[in-house]
Amino acid sequence: MMWEEAGDREGAEALYRQAIDQGSITAVGSLARMREEAGYRDEAEALYRQAADRGNINALHLLVGMREEAGDREGAEALARQAADHGRTSTLCLLAVMRREAGTGRGPKPWPG
């Protein structure tokens, strides 16, 4: 959104929250991304979960990465399977890549969003 590009994070967040109140699933995911970028991972994860619960499969995909990076392998895999059940099979492949990279000693690559 243009408010983000202009650097008005507070204005952008307020508008996203208004859109969420109006039922926008996209706004939930966008606000989650903003909160994650600002370092509020717990809040971002809760928002991604809210978006996923409302049918945003991309949010579910991003949750997989957050859970894997947090060391919750079982949670990440369960979410990846859920994403695959909704047609996003690439999430399972990305999870496999993260785990393969972690096993090489180079550590996992950042989760692609």
C-alpha atoms as a PDB file:
ATOM      1  CA  MET A   1       0.000   0.000   0.000  1.00  0.00           C
ATOM      2  CA  MET A   2       1.163   3.527  -0.616  1.00  0.00           C
ATOM      3  CA  TRP A   3       1.190   4.401   3.105  1.00  0.00           C
ATOM      4  CA  GLU A   4       3.805   1.753   3.704  1.00  0.00           C
ATOM      5  CA  GLU A   5       5.929   3.051   0.832  1.00  0.00           C
ATOM      6  CA  ALA A   6       5.690   6.613   2.172  1.00  0.00           C
ATOM      7  CA  GLY A   7       6.874   5.431   5.583  1.00  0.00           C
ATOM      8  CA  ASP A   8       3.584   5.978   7.421  1.00  0.00           C
ATOM      9  CA  ARG A   9       3.534   2.643   9.209  1.00  0.00           C
ATOM     10  CA  GLU A  10       1.050   3.796  11.839  1.00  0.00           C
ATOM     11  CA  GLY A  11      -1.329   5.057   9.174  1.00  0.00           C
ATOM     12  CA  ALA A  12      -0.967   1.842   7.196  1.00  0.00           C
ATOM     13  CA  GLU A  13      -1.593  -0.291  10.279  1.00  0.00           C
ATOM     14  CA  ALA A  14      -4.686   1.738  11.165  1.00  0.00           C
ATOM     15  CA  LEU A  15      -6.071   1.269   7.665  1.00  0.00           C
ATOM     16  CA  TYR A  16      -5.282  -2.447   7.686  1.00  0.00           C
ATOM     17  CA  ARG A  17      -7.114  -2.756  11.014  1.00  0.00           C
ATOM     18  CA  GLN A  18     -10.118  -0.926   9.541  1.00  0.00           C
ATOM     19  CA  ALA A  19     -10.085  -3.291   6.575  1.00  0.00           C
ATOM     20  CA  ILE A  20      -9.858  -6.263   8.957  1.00  0.00           C
ATOM     21  CA  ASP A  21     -12.883  -4.951  10.841  1.00  0.00           C
ATOM     22  CA  GLN A  22     -14.680  -4.892   7.480  1.00  0.00           C
ATOM     23  CA  GLY A  23     -13.770  -8.557   6.888  1.00  0.00           C
ATOM     24  CA  SER A  24     -10.671  -8.337   4.673  1.00  0.00           C
ATOM     25  CA  ILE A  25      -8.596 -11.525   4.807  1.00  0.00           C
ATOM     26  CA  THR A  26      -5.859  -9.903   2.717  1.00  0.00           C
ATOM     27  CA  ALA A  27      -5.487  -7.095   5.264  1.00  0.00           C
ATOM     28  CA  VAL A  28      -4.900  -9.615   8.063  1.00  0.00           C
ATOM     29  CA  GLY A  29      -2.005 -11.131   6.129  1.00  0.00           C
ATOM     30  CA  SER A  30      -0.603  -7.716   5.220  1.00  0.00           C
ATOM     31  CA  LEU A  31      -0.739  -6.513   8.821  1.00  0.00           C
ATOM     32  CA  ALA A  32       0.914  -9.754   9.947  1.00  0.00           C
ATOM     33  CA  ARG A  33       3.765  -9.143   7.513  1.00  0.00           C
ATOM     34  CA  MET A  34       4.195  -5.580   8.800  1.00  0.00           C
ATOM     35  CA  ARG A  35       4.240  -6.731  12.420  1.00  0.00           C
ATOM     36  CA  GLU A  36       6.767  -9.473  11.607  1.00  0.00           C
ATOM     37  CA  GLU A  37       9.032  -6.981   9.821  1.00  0.00           C
ATOM     38  CA  ALA A  38       8.799  -4.694  12.863  1.00  0.00           C
ATOM     39  CA  GLY A  39      10.025  -7.547  15.076  1.00  0.00           C
ATOM     40  CA  TYR A  40       6.714  -8.494  16.696  1.00  0.00           C
ATOM     41  CA  ARG A  41       6.850 -12.188  15.806  1.00  0.00           C
ATOM     42  CA  ASP A  42       4.275 -13.366  18.359  1.00  0.00           C
ATOM     43  CA  GLU A  43       1.726 -10.829  17.173  1.00  0.00           C
ATOM     44  CA  ALA A  44       2.558 -11.613  13.549  1.00  0.00           C
ATOM     45  CA  GLU A  45       2.104 -15.318  14.138  1.00  0.00           C
ATOM     46  CA  ALA A  46      -1.290 -14.734  15.769  1.00  0.00           C
ATOM     47  CA  LEU A  47      -2.352 -12.609  12.797  1.00  0.00           C
ATOM     48  CA  TYR A  48      -1.083 -15.193  10.293  1.00  0.00           C
ATOM     49  CA  ARG A  49      -3.097 -17.825  12.171  1.00  0.00           C
ATOM     50  CA  GLN A  50      -6.162 -15.603  12.002  1.00  0.00           C
ATOM     51  CA  ALA A  51      -5.656 -15.139   8.259  1.00  0.00           C
ATOM     52  CA  ALA A  52      -5.107 -18.879   7.765  1.00  0.00           C
ATOM     53  CA  ASP A  53      -8.257 -19.649   9.740  1.00  0.00           C
ATOM     54  CA  ARG A  54     -10.112 -17.330   7.348  1.00  0.00           C
ATOM     55  CA  GLY A  55      -8.809 -19.214   4.323  1.00  0.00           C
ATOM     56  CA  ASN A  56      -5.587 -17.358   3.437  1.00  0.00           C
ATOM     57  CA  ILE A  57      -3.348 -20.220   2.291  1.00  0.00           C
ATOM     58  CA  ASN A  58      -0.337 -17.906   1.852  1.00  0.00           C
ATOM     59  CA  ALA A  59      -0.573 -17.074   5.561  1.00  0.00           C
ATOM     60  CA  LEU A  60      -0.564 -20.793   6.318  1.00  0.00           C
ATOM     61  CA  HIS A  61       2.562 -21.136   4.172  1.00  0.00           C
ATOM     62  CA  LEU A  62       4.278 -18.351   6.112  1.00  0.00           C
ATOM     63  CA  LEU A  63       3.281 -19.925   9.428  1.00  0.00           C
ATOM     64  CA  VAL A  64       5.116 -23.091   8.419  1.00  0.00           C
ATOM     65  CA  GLY A  65       8.319 -21.098   8.102  1.00  0.00           C
ATOM     66  CA  MET A  66       7.809 -19.352  11.416  1.00  0.00           C
ATOM     67  CA  ARG A  67       7.178 -22.621  13.244  1.00  0.00           C
ATOM     68  CA  GLU A  68      10.165 -24.325  11.597  1.00  0.00           C
ATOM     69  CA  GLU A  69      12.457 -21.396  12.440  1.00  0.00           C
ATOM     70  CA  ALA A  70      11.186 -21.530  16.032  1.00  0.00           C
ATOM     71  CA  GLY A  71      12.184 -25.206  16.240  1.00  0.00           C
ATOM     72  CA  ASP A  72       8.609 -26.534  16.228  1.00  0.00           C
ATOM     73  CA  ARG A  73       9.177 -29.214  13.588  1.00  0.00           C
ATOM     74  CA  GLU A  74       5.964 -31.106  14.319  1.00  0.00           C
ATOM     75  CA  GLY A  75       3.879 -27.935  14.200  1.00  0.00           C
ATOM     76  CA  ALA A  76       5.544 -26.836  10.976  1.00  0.00           C
ATOM     77  CA  GLU A  77       4.933 -30.199   9.354  1.00  0.00           C
ATOM     78  CA  ALA A  78       1.270 -30.280  10.432  1.00  0.00           C
ATOM     79  CA  LEU A  79       0.755 -26.809   8.963  1.00  0.00           C
ATOM     80  CA  ALA A  80       2.591 -27.771   5.765  1.00  0.00           C
ATOM     81  CA  ARG A  81       0.315 -30.773   5.349  1.00  0.00           C
ATOM     82  CA  GLN A  82      -2.694 -28.532   5.931  1.00  0.00           C
ATOM     83  CA  ALA A  83      -1.421 -26.143   3.230  1.00  0.00           C
ATOM     84  CA  ALA A  84      -0.909 -29.114   0.893  1.00  0.00           C
ATOM     85  CA  ASP A  85      -4.460 -30.295   1.591  1.00  0.00           C
ATOM     86  CA  HIS A  86      -5.596 -26.870   0.366  1.00  0.00           C
ATOM     87  CA  GLY A  87      -3.557 -27.129  -2.831  1.00  0.00           C
ATOM     88  CA  ARG A  88      -0.287 -25.499  -1.769  1.00  0.00           C
ATOM     89  CA  THR A  89       1.922 -28.596  -2.131  1.00  0.00           C
ATOM     90  CA  SER A  90       4.992 -26.417  -2.642  1.00  0.00           C
ATOM     91  CA  THR A  91       4.957 -25.754   1.100  1.00  0.00           C
ATOM     92  CA  LEU A  92       5.955 -29.368   1.775  1.00  0.00           C
ATOM     93  CA  CYS A  93       8.805 -29.041  -0.725  1.00  0.00           C
ATOM     94  CA  LEU A  94      10.083 -25.836   0.881  1.00  0.00           C
ATOM     95  CA  LEU A  95       9.929 -27.441   4.305  1.00  0.00           C
ATOM     96  CA  ALA A  96      11.988 -30.348   2.953  1.00  0.00           C
ATOM     97  CA  VAL A  97      14.573 -27.912   1.559  1.00  0.00           C
ATOM     98  CA  MET A  98      14.822 -26.095   4.900  1.00  0.00           C
ATOM     99  CA  ARG A  99      15.400 -29.354   6.698  1.00  0.00           C
ATOM    100  CA  ARG A 100      17.933 -30.568   4.134  1.00  0.00           C
ATOM    101  CA  GLU A 101      19.861 -27.297   4.397  1.00  0.00           C
ATOM    102  CA  ALA A 102      19.770 -27.466   8.196  1.00  0.00           C
ATOM    103  CA  GLY A 103      21.348 -30.935   7.999  1.00  0.00           C
ATOM    104  CA  THR A 104      24.310 -29.695   5.961  1.00  0.00           C
ATOM    105  CA  GLY A 105      25.685 -27.545   8.751  1.00  0.00           C
ATOM    106  CA  ARG A 106      25.026 -24.417   6.697  1.00  0.00           C
ATOM    107  CA  GLY A 107      21.762 -23.853   8.530  1.00  0.00           C
ATOM    108  CA  PRO A 108      18.382 -23.301   6.982  1.00  0.00           C
ATOM    109  CA  LYS A 109      17.877 -20.619   4.386  1.00  0.00           C
ATOM    110  CA  PRO A 110      15.331 -17.943   5.249  1.00  0.00           C
ATOM    111  CA  TRP A 111      11.747 -18.994   4.567  1.00  0.00           C
ATOM    112  CA  PRO A 112      10.551 -17.558   1.268  1.00  0.00           C
ATOM    113  CA  GLY A 113       7.423 -15.503   1.754  1.00  0.00           C
END
